[in-house]
Amino acid sequence: MAIGGPAILFGKVMHARLFPKRNAFSYGIYYLRLPLGELSRLPIARNRFGLLSFYDIDHGACDGSSLADWAGNVLAAHGLSAAGYRIELVCMPRVLGYVFNPVSFWLCRDREGKLRAVICEVHNTFGERHCYLCARSDRQPITPGDTLEAEKVFHVSPFLPREGHYTFRFDVEGDRFGAWIDYFDREGRKQLSTALTGDVRTMDKNTLRQAFFRYPLVTLKAIVLIHWQALKLVSKRVALIRKPAQLESKLSTTRNLTKV
């Protein structure tokens, strides 16, 4: 039976850069899975300092306003009625007040529990963000066999140009979580593969304690590893790309659907 309340995802992050120089890494991590309808009774600190905490201002409109309203407005603006939807935010916590979320996932399920959309909220190390709304063009449920595709319109890495496209796949059935995001250059060649995979466990004092001590300072670890991998790419003489001015739009959508 699937866990319905607040939960912790214990999993692994994987990145594999395929060219011009190969570079790959994988490490253990944990994320929170938070039903938006249950934010008022989380077993961790909310909007206040704690060993582990969650701040509304880190997501959505990033102004402390209702996360459920923000997500509902995004869905409604793109032909997805949020009425009756159960929306879960999968994100990293603040650890001792510090957080960096490279990507968070808003899982939007209908009354039957079927996945209708995923909002991928991407942050870069320059304090900027962009959201990719992933949904089938026919607005039917997203299955593990579906691949959704979107133009790359947000600059994240100084080693990848703002061109080409991403593909997205999701497997969030039961108590497992899998998200695969691959980048293809403008010639259609896969250049980067990424994945977040793992299993979900009920969030309580024991699992929170286990997460904190199993992966200490996990958010600081994430930002340190990003810069460490950047140094490795520089040492391999991968060219740096000057950061362009970001586009005004803060949200884009998948444009088509294929089967894997």
C-alpha atoms as a PDB file:
ATOM      1  CA  MET A   1       0.000   0.000   0.000  1.00  0.00           C
ATOM      2  CA  ALA A   2       1.321   3.428  -0.930  1.00  0.00           C
ATOM      3  CA  ILE A   3       2.290   5.835   1.839  1.00  0.00           C
ATOM      4  CA  GLY A   4      -0.230   8.654   1.800  1.00  0.00           C
ATOM      5  CA  GLY A   5       1.136  11.214   4.258  1.00  0.00           C
ATOM      6  CA  PRO A   6       4.409  13.106   4.637  1.00  0.00           C
ATOM      7  CA  ALA A   7       7.308  10.853   3.696  1.00  0.00           C
ATOM      8  CA  ILE A   8      11.046  10.725   3.119  1.00  0.00           C
ATOM      9  CA  LEU A   9      12.592   9.547  -0.123  1.00  0.00           C
ATOM     10  CA  PHE A  10      15.863   7.715   0.474  1.00  0.00           C
ATOM     11  CA  GLY A  11      17.616   7.387  -2.849  1.00  0.00           C
ATOM     12  CA  LYS A  12      20.483   8.151  -5.184  1.00  0.00           C
ATOM     13  CA  VAL A  13      21.314  10.961  -7.573  1.00  0.00           C
ATOM     14  CA  MET A  14      23.139  10.053 -10.778  1.00  0.00           C
ATOM     15  CA  HIS A  15      24.709  12.320 -13.417  1.00  0.00           C
ATOM     16  CA  ALA A  16      26.561  11.070 -16.477  1.00  0.00           C
ATOM     17  CA  ARG A  17      28.061  13.503 -18.997  1.00  0.00           C
ATOM     18  CA  LEU A  18      28.746  11.644 -22.241  1.00  0.00           C
ATOM     19  CA  PHE A  19      30.794  14.119 -24.316  1.00  0.00           C
ATOM     20  CA  PRO A  20      33.006  15.997 -25.111  1.00  0.00           C
ATOM     21  CA  LYS A  21      34.592  14.502 -21.973  1.00  0.00           C
ATOM     22  CA  ARG A  22      33.007  11.726 -19.967  1.00  0.00           C
ATOM     23  CA  ASN A  23      32.262  12.491 -16.338  1.00  0.00           C
ATOM     24  CA  ALA A  24      29.877  10.593 -14.075  1.00  0.00           C
ATOM     25  CA  PHE A  25      28.985  10.435 -10.408  1.00  0.00           C
ATOM     26  CA  SER A  26      26.367   8.977  -8.078  1.00  0.00           C
ATOM     27  CA  TYR A  27      25.726   9.605  -4.404  1.00  0.00           C
ATOM     28  CA  GLY A  28      23.155   8.883  -1.713  1.00  0.00           C
ATOM     29  CA  ILE A  29      20.629  11.544  -0.795  1.00  0.00           C
ATOM     30  CA  TYR A  30      17.214  12.079   0.729  1.00  0.00           C
ATOM     31  CA  TYR A  31      14.268  14.249  -0.230  1.00  0.00           C
ATOM     32  CA  LEU A  32      11.035  15.142   1.523  1.00  0.00           C
ATOM     33  CA  ARG A  33       7.692  14.197  -0.024  1.00  0.00           C
ATOM     34  CA  LEU A  34       5.096  16.644   1.267  1.00  0.00           C
ATOM     35  CA  PRO A  35       1.355  16.529   0.461  1.00  0.00           C
ATOM     36  CA  LEU A  36       0.361  20.192   0.139  1.00  0.00           C
ATOM     37  CA  GLY A  37      -2.873  19.512   2.012  1.00  0.00           C
ATOM     38  CA  GLU A  38      -0.922  18.388   5.085  1.00  0.00           C
ATOM     39  CA  LEU A  39       1.699  21.101   5.435  1.00  0.00           C
ATOM     40  CA  SER A  40       0.094  22.390   8.635  1.00  0.00           C
ATOM     41  CA  ARG A  41       0.936  19.168  10.489  1.00  0.00           C
ATOM     42  CA  LEU A  42       4.396  18.183   9.340  1.00  0.00           C
ATOM     43  CA  PRO A  43       6.656  16.381  11.838  1.00  0.00           C
ATOM     44  CA  ILE A  44       9.478  18.849  11.028  1.00  0.00           C
ATOM     45  CA  ALA A  45       9.847  22.574  11.614  1.00  0.00           C
ATOM     46  CA  ARG A  46       7.904  24.686   9.123  1.00  0.00           C
ATOM     47  CA  ASN A  47       8.881  28.273   8.356  1.00  0.00           C
ATOM     48  CA  ARG A  48      11.210  28.327  11.358  1.00  0.00           C
ATOM     49  CA  PHE A  49      14.729  27.186  12.126  1.00  0.00           C
ATOM     50  CA  GLY A  50      15.359  23.530  12.920  1.00  0.00           C
ATOM     51  CA  LEU A  51      17.827  20.729  12.329  1.00  0.00           C
ATOM     52  CA  LEU A  52      15.567  19.905   9.381  1.00  0.00           C
ATOM     53  CA  SER A  53      12.925  22.370   8.260  1.00  0.00           C
ATOM     54  CA  PHE A  54      10.687  23.331   5.368  1.00  0.00           C
ATOM     55  CA  TYR A  55      10.025  26.930   4.306  1.00  0.00           C
ATOM     56  CA  ASP A  56       7.128  27.801   2.003  1.00  0.00           C
ATOM     57  CA  ILE A  57       9.127  30.741   0.639  1.00  0.00           C
ATOM     58  CA  ASP A  58      11.607  28.348  -1.006  1.00  0.00           C
ATOM     59  CA  HIS A  59       9.031  27.173  -3.573  1.00  0.00           C
ATOM     60  CA  GLY A  60       6.117  28.213  -5.764  1.00  0.00           C
ATOM     61  CA  ALA A  61       5.849  31.994  -5.985  1.00  0.00           C
ATOM     62  CA  CYS A  62       8.745  32.179  -3.463  1.00  0.00           C
ATOM     63  CA  ASP A  63       6.921  34.860  -1.477  1.00  0.00           C
ATOM     64  CA  GLY A  64       5.369  32.727   1.251  1.00  0.00           C
ATOM     65  CA  SER A  65       1.956  32.594  -0.412  1.00  0.00           C
ATOM     66  CA  SER A  66      -0.096  29.402  -0.722  1.00  0.00           C
ATOM     67  CA  LEU A  67       1.819  26.640  -2.503  1.00  0.00           C
ATOM     68  CA  ALA A  68      -1.420  24.822  -3.321  1.00  0.00           C
ATOM     69  CA  ASP A  69      -2.865  27.944  -4.962  1.00  0.00           C
ATOM     70  CA  TRP A  70       0.311  28.484  -6.986  1.00  0.00           C
ATOM     71  CA  ALA A  71       0.341  24.906  -8.273  1.00  0.00           C
ATOM     72  CA  GLY A  72      -3.400  24.993  -8.973  1.00  0.00           C
ATOM     73  CA  ASN A  73      -3.041  28.187 -10.997  1.00  0.00           C
ATOM     74  CA  VAL A  74      -0.199  26.671 -13.047  1.00  0.00           C
ATOM     75  CA  LEU A  75      -2.274  23.592 -13.825  1.00  0.00           C
ATOM     76  CA  ALA A  76      -5.429  25.550 -14.665  1.00  0.00           C
ATOM     77  CA  ALA A  77      -3.506  27.872 -17.001  1.00  0.00           C
ATOM     78  CA  HIS A  78      -2.434  24.842 -19.035  1.00  0.00           C
ATOM     79  CA  GLY A  79      -5.711  22.966 -19.359  1.00  0.00           C
ATOM     80  CA  LEU A  80      -5.388  20.797 -16.263  1.00  0.00           C
ATOM     81  CA  SER A  81      -8.159  21.272 -13.746  1.00  0.00           C
ATOM     82  CA  ALA A  82      -6.685  20.965 -10.270  1.00  0.00           C
ATOM     83  CA  ALA A  83     -10.087  20.284  -8.681  1.00  0.00           C
ATOM     84  CA  GLY A  84      -9.730  17.260  -6.449  1.00  0.00           C
ATOM     85  CA  TYR A  85      -6.033  16.857  -7.248  1.00  0.00           C
ATOM     86  CA  ARG A  86      -3.605  15.658  -4.611  1.00  0.00           C
ATOM     87  CA  ILE A  87      -0.336  17.522  -5.059  1.00  0.00           C
ATOM     88  CA  GLU A  88       2.889  16.386  -3.399  1.00  0.00           C
ATOM     89  CA  LEU A  89       6.090  18.421  -3.354  1.00  0.00           C
ATOM     90  CA  VAL A  90       9.284  16.354  -3.504  1.00  0.00           C
ATOM     91  CA  CYS A  91      12.165  18.574  -2.398  1.00  0.00           C
ATOM     92  CA  MET A  92      15.239  18.812  -0.220  1.00  0.00           C
ATOM     93  CA  PRO A  93      14.803  20.220   3.290  1.00  0.00           C
ATOM     94  CA  ARG A  94      16.639  23.077   4.872  1.00  0.00           C
ATOM     95  CA  VAL A  95      19.404  21.631   7.033  1.00  0.00           C
ATOM     96  CA  LEU A  96      20.393  23.948   9.892  1.00  0.00           C
ATOM     97  CA  GLY A  97      18.694  26.704   7.909  1.00  0.00           C
ATOM     98  CA  TYR A  98      20.511  26.130   4.604  1.00  0.00           C
ATOM     99  CA  VAL A  99      18.971  24.741   1.421  1.00  0.00           C
ATOM    100  CA  PHE A 100      19.778  24.392  -2.245  1.00  0.00           C
ATOM    101  CA  ASN A 101      17.300  22.517  -4.416  1.00  0.00           C
ATOM    102  CA  PRO A 102      18.754  21.815  -7.884  1.00  0.00           C
ATOM    103  CA  VAL A 103      15.367  20.385  -8.862  1.00  0.00           C
ATOM    104  CA  SER A 104      12.122  19.808  -6.981  1.00  0.00           C
ATOM    105  CA  PHE A 105       9.140  17.844  -8.257  1.00  0.00           C
ATOM    106  CA  TRP A 106       5.469  18.719  -7.810  1.00  0.00           C
ATOM    107  CA  LEU A 107       3.548  15.471  -8.348  1.00  0.00           C
ATOM    108  CA  CYS A 108      -0.035  16.215  -9.382  1.00  0.00           C
ATOM    109  CA  ARG A 109      -2.416  13.269  -9.066  1.00  0.00           C
ATOM    110  CA  ASP A 110      -6.133  13.004  -9.806  1.00  0.00           C
ATOM    111  CA  ARG A 111      -8.811  11.559  -7.509  1.00  0.00           C
ATOM    112  CA  GLU A 112      -7.848   8.038  -8.566  1.00  0.00           C
ATOM    113  CA  GLY A 113      -4.202   8.622  -7.710  1.00  0.00           C
ATOM    114  CA  LYS A 114      -3.060   8.725 -11.327  1.00  0.00           C
ATOM    115  CA  LEU A 115      -0.220  11.077 -12.196  1.00  0.00           C
ATOM    116  CA  ARG A 116      -1.534  13.864 -14.439  1.00  0.00           C
ATOM    117  CA  ALA A 117       1.345  16.335 -14.361  1.00  0.00           C
ATOM    118  CA  VAL A 118       4.747  16.997 -12.825  1.00  0.00           C
ATOM    119  CA  ILE A 119       6.094  20.490 -12.300  1.00  0.00           C
ATOM    120  CA  CYS A 120       9.912  20.342 -12.315  1.00  0.00           C
ATOM    121  CA  GLU A 121      11.158  23.389 -10.422  1.00  0.00           C
ATOM    122  CA  VAL A 122      14.800  23.990 -11.367  1.00  0.00           C
ATOM    123  CA  HIS A 123      17.223  26.277  -9.509  1.00  0.00           C
ATOM    124  CA  ASN A 124      20.710  27.225 -10.642  1.00  0.00           C
ATOM    125  CA  THR A 125      23.639  28.394  -8.529  1.00  0.00           C
ATOM    126  CA  PHE A 126      23.003  32.021  -9.558  1.00  0.00           C
ATOM    127  CA  GLY A 127      19.779  32.202  -7.520  1.00  0.00           C
ATOM    128  CA  GLU A 128      17.533  31.886 -10.579  1.00  0.00           C
ATOM    129  CA  ARG A 129      14.806  29.360 -11.297  1.00  0.00           C
ATOM    130  CA  HIS A 130      12.547  28.010 -14.007  1.00  0.00           C
ATOM    131  CA  CYS A 131       9.694  25.503 -14.001  1.00  0.00           C
ATOM    132  CA  TYR A 132       8.993  22.852 -16.631  1.00  0.00           C
ATOM    133  CA  LEU A 133       5.389  21.636 -16.617  1.00  0.00           C
ATOM    134  CA  CYS A 134       5.419  18.014 -17.741  1.00  0.00           C
ATOM    135  CA  ALA A 135       2.097  16.655 -18.988  1.00  0.00           C
ATOM    136  CA  ARG A 136       0.875  14.567 -21.876  1.00  0.00           C
ATOM    137  CA  SER A 137      -0.419  16.544 -24.826  1.00  0.00           C
ATOM    138  CA  ASP A 138      -3.741  14.682 -24.561  1.00  0.00           C
ATOM    139  CA  ARG A 139      -3.817  15.327 -20.788  1.00  0.00           C
ATOM    140  CA  GLN A 140      -4.123  11.620 -20.026  1.00  0.00           C
ATOM    141  CA  PRO A 141      -2.244  10.109 -17.034  1.00  0.00           C
ATOM    142  CA  ILE A 142       1.531   9.918 -17.263  1.00  0.00           C
ATOM    143  CA  THR A 143       2.795   6.325 -17.192  1.00  0.00           C
ATOM    144  CA  PRO A 144       6.312   4.980 -16.580  1.00  0.00           C
ATOM    145  CA  GLY A 145       6.524   4.245 -20.298  1.00  0.00           C
ATOM    146  CA  ASP A 146       5.951   7.852 -21.371  1.00  0.00           C
ATOM    147  CA  THR A 147       8.716  10.239 -22.375  1.00  0.00           C
ATOM    148  CA  LEU A 148       7.912  13.950 -22.335  1.00  0.00           C
ATOM    149  CA  GLU A 149      10.044  16.461 -24.199  1.00  0.00           C
ATOM    150  CA  ALA A 150      10.692  20.180 -23.716  1.00  0.00           C
ATOM    151  CA  GLU A 151      13.014  22.816 -25.123  1.00  0.00           C
ATOM    152  CA  LYS A 152      15.929  23.783 -22.881  1.00  0.00           C
ATOM    153  CA  VAL A 153      15.164  27.438 -22.170  1.00  0.00           C
ATOM    154  CA  PHE A 154      16.924  27.967 -18.839  1.00  0.00           C
ATOM    155  CA  HIS A 155      20.660  28.314 -18.301  1.00  0.00           C
ATOM    156  CA  VAL A 156      21.856  26.029 -15.512  1.00  0.00           C
ATOM    157  CA  SER A 157      25.363  24.724 -16.155  1.00  0.00           C
ATOM    158  CA  PRO A 158      28.288  26.805 -17.466  1.00  0.00           C
ATOM    159  CA  PHE A 159      29.287  23.708 -19.455  1.00  0.00           C
ATOM    160  CA  LEU A 160      26.051  23.340 -21.455  1.00  0.00           C
ATOM    161  CA  PRO A 161      24.538  25.879 -23.864  1.00  0.00           C
ATOM    162  CA  ARG A 162      20.947  27.090 -23.595  1.00  0.00           C
ATOM    163  CA  GLU A 163      19.740  25.147 -26.608  1.00  0.00           C
ATOM    164  CA  GLY A 164      18.641  21.625 -27.454  1.00  0.00           C
ATOM    165  CA  HIS A 165      15.999  19.827 -25.425  1.00  0.00           C
ATOM    166  CA  TYR A 166      15.275  17.686 -22.381  1.00  0.00           C
ATOM    167  CA  THR A 167      13.376  14.430 -22.077  1.00  0.00           C
ATOM    168  CA  PHE A 168      11.549  13.566 -18.860  1.00  0.00           C
ATOM    169  CA  ARG A 169      10.417  10.181 -17.547  1.00  0.00           C
ATOM    170  CA  PHE A 170       8.710   9.418 -14.243  1.00  0.00           C
ATOM    171  CA  ASP A 171       7.893   6.282 -12.281  1.00  0.00           C
ATOM    172  CA  VAL A 172       6.177   7.258  -9.031  1.00  0.00           C
ATOM    173  CA  GLU A 173       3.799   4.366  -8.558  1.00  0.00           C
ATOM    174  CA  GLY A 174       3.454   2.834  -5.108  1.00  0.00           C
ATOM    175  CA  ASP A 175       6.261   3.772  -2.742  1.00  0.00           C
ATOM    176  CA  ARG A 176       9.017   4.053  -5.328  1.00  0.00           C
ATOM    177  CA  PHE A 177      10.222   7.223  -6.963  1.00  0.00           C
ATOM    178  CA  GLY A 178      12.074   7.570 -10.227  1.00  0.00           C
ATOM    179  CA  ALA A 179      12.726  10.692 -12.296  1.00  0.00           C
ATOM    180  CA  TRP A 180      15.019  10.641 -15.321  1.00  0.00           C
ATOM    181  CA  ILE A 181      15.959  13.869 -17.110  1.00  0.00           C
ATOM    182  CA  ASP A 182      18.264  13.689 -20.127  1.00  0.00           C
ATOM    183  CA  TYR A 183      19.709  16.547 -22.140  1.00  0.00           C
ATOM    184  CA  PHE A 184      20.153  16.432 -25.930  1.00  0.00           C
ATOM    185  CA  ASP A 185      22.147  19.034 -27.847  1.00  0.00           C
ATOM    186  CA  ARG A 186      20.786  20.941 -30.841  1.00  0.00           C
ATOM    187  CA  GLU A 187      21.854  18.103 -33.128  1.00  0.00           C
ATOM    188  CA  GLY A 188      19.821  15.594 -31.136  1.00  0.00           C
ATOM    189  CA  ARG A 189      22.770  13.848 -29.445  1.00  0.00           C
ATOM    190  CA  LYS A 190      22.326  12.811 -25.827  1.00  0.00           C
ATOM    191  CA  GLN A 191      24.953  14.687 -23.848  1.00  0.00           C
ATOM    192  CA  LEU A 192      23.805  14.335 -20.246  1.00  0.00           C
ATOM    193  CA  SER A 193      21.809  11.706 -18.322  1.00  0.00           C
ATOM    194  CA  THR A 194      20.496  12.374 -14.835  1.00  0.00           C
ATOM    195  CA  ALA A 195      18.323  10.408 -12.435  1.00  0.00           C
ATOM    196  CA  LEU A 196      16.855  10.548  -8.960  1.00  0.00           C
ATOM    197  CA  THR A 197      15.633   7.141  -7.794  1.00  0.00           C
ATOM    198  CA  GLY A 198      14.731   5.608  -4.467  1.00  0.00           C
ATOM    199  CA  ASP A 199      12.090   4.341  -2.073  1.00  0.00           C
ATOM    200  CA  VAL A 200       9.694   6.272   0.111  1.00  0.00           C
ATOM    201  CA  ARG A 201       9.248   5.757   3.839  1.00  0.00           C
ATOM    202  CA  THR A 202       6.830   7.330   6.307  1.00  0.00           C
ATOM    203  CA  MET A 203       8.147  10.546   7.828  1.00  0.00           C
ATOM    204  CA  ASP A 204       8.414  10.301  11.601  1.00  0.00           C
ATOM    205  CA  LYS A 205      10.979  11.084  14.286  1.00  0.00           C
ATOM    206  CA  ASN A 206      12.926   7.905  13.569  1.00  0.00           C
ATOM    207  CA  THR A 207      13.187   8.350   9.795  1.00  0.00           C
ATOM    208  CA  LEU A 208      14.006  12.047  10.182  1.00  0.00           C
ATOM    209  CA  ARG A 209      16.784  11.179  12.622  1.00  0.00           C
ATOM    210  CA  GLN A 210      18.047   8.475  10.293  1.00  0.00           C
ATOM    211  CA  ALA A 211      18.082  10.874   7.328  1.00  0.00           C
ATOM    212  CA  PHE A 212      19.905  13.608   9.246  1.00  0.00           C
ATOM    213  CA  PHE A 213      22.696  11.373  10.520  1.00  0.00           C
ATOM    214  CA  ARG A 214      22.949   9.096   7.479  1.00  0.00           C
ATOM    215  CA  TYR A 215      23.459  12.068   5.157  1.00  0.00           C
ATOM    216  CA  PRO A 216      24.715  14.921   7.372  1.00  0.00           C
ATOM    217  CA  LEU A 217      24.576  18.457   5.938  1.00  0.00           C
ATOM    218  CA  VAL A 218      23.051  17.039   2.750  1.00  0.00           C
ATOM    219  CA  THR A 219      22.143  20.414   1.239  1.00  0.00           C
ATOM    220  CA  LEU A 220      25.650  21.763   1.783  1.00  0.00           C
ATOM    221  CA  LYS A 221      26.984  18.525   0.322  1.00  0.00           C
ATOM    222  CA  ALA A 222      24.889  19.093  -2.812  1.00  0.00           C
ATOM    223  CA  ILE A 223      26.317  22.558  -3.506  1.00  0.00           C
ATOM    224  CA  VAL A 224      29.883  21.456  -2.676  1.00  0.00           C
ATOM    225  CA  LEU A 225      29.626  18.501  -5.058  1.00  0.00           C
ATOM    226  CA  ILE A 226      28.293  20.741  -7.822  1.00  0.00           C
ATOM    227  CA  HIS A 227      31.406  22.894  -7.588  1.00  0.00           C
ATOM    228  CA  TRP A 228      33.685  19.870  -7.211  1.00  0.00           C
ATOM    229  CA  GLN A 229      32.320  18.363 -10.417  1.00  0.00           C
ATOM    230  CA  ALA A 230      32.753  21.739 -12.120  1.00  0.00           C
ATOM    231  CA  LEU A 231      36.434  21.732 -11.143  1.00  0.00           C
ATOM    232  CA  LYS A 232      36.798  18.241 -12.578  1.00  0.00           C
ATOM    233  CA  LEU A 233      35.306  19.383 -15.887  1.00  0.00           C
ATOM    234  CA  VAL A 234      37.633  22.386 -15.969  1.00  0.00           C
ATOM    235  CA  SER A 235      40.575  20.054 -15.334  1.00  0.00           C
ATOM    236  CA  LYS A 236      39.410  17.997 -18.325  1.00  0.00           C
ATOM    237  CA  ARG A 237      39.449  21.201 -20.393  1.00  0.00           C
ATOM    238  CA  VAL A 238      35.725  21.327 -21.035  1.00  0.00           C
ATOM    239  CA  ALA A 239      34.994  24.824 -22.317  1.00  0.00           C
ATOM    240  CA  LEU A 240      33.117  27.277 -20.105  1.00  0.00           C
ATOM    241  CA  ILE A 241      30.066  29.013 -21.579  1.00  0.00           C
ATOM    242  CA  ARG A 242      29.350  32.608 -20.696  1.00  0.00           C
ATOM    243  CA  LYS A 243      26.052  32.960 -18.829  1.00  0.00           C
ATOM    244  CA  PRO A 244      23.370  34.538 -21.044  1.00  0.00           C
ATOM    245  CA  ALA A 245      20.594  36.784 -19.781  1.00  0.00           C
ATOM    246  CA  GLN A 246      17.733  34.517 -18.758  1.00  0.00           C
ATOM    247  CA  LEU A 247      14.475  34.597 -20.679  1.00  0.00           C
ATOM    248  CA  GLU A 248      11.570  36.449 -19.067  1.00  0.00           C
ATOM    249  CA  SER A 249       9.295  33.414 -18.983  1.00  0.00           C
ATOM    250  CA  LYS A 250       9.594  31.420 -15.761  1.00  0.00           C
ATOM    251  CA  LEU A 251       7.552  28.425 -16.909  1.00  0.00           C
ATOM    252  CA  SER A 252       7.485  26.278 -20.050  1.00  0.00           C
ATOM    253  CA  THR A 253       5.740  23.070 -21.012  1.00  0.00           C
ATOM    254  CA  THR A 254       6.499  19.768 -22.661  1.00  0.00           C
ATOM    255  CA  ARG A 255       5.649  19.857 -26.324  1.00  0.00           C
ATOM    256  CA  ASN A 256       5.065  16.262 -27.342  1.00  0.00           C
ATOM    257  CA  LEU A 257       4.893  12.686 -26.226  1.00  0.00           C
ATOM    258  CA  THR A 258       6.777   9.586 -27.285  1.00  0.00           C
ATOM    259  CA  LYS A 259       6.984   6.032 -25.992  1.00  0.00           C
ATOM    260  CA  VAL A 260      10.161   4.390 -24.736  1.00  0.00           C
END
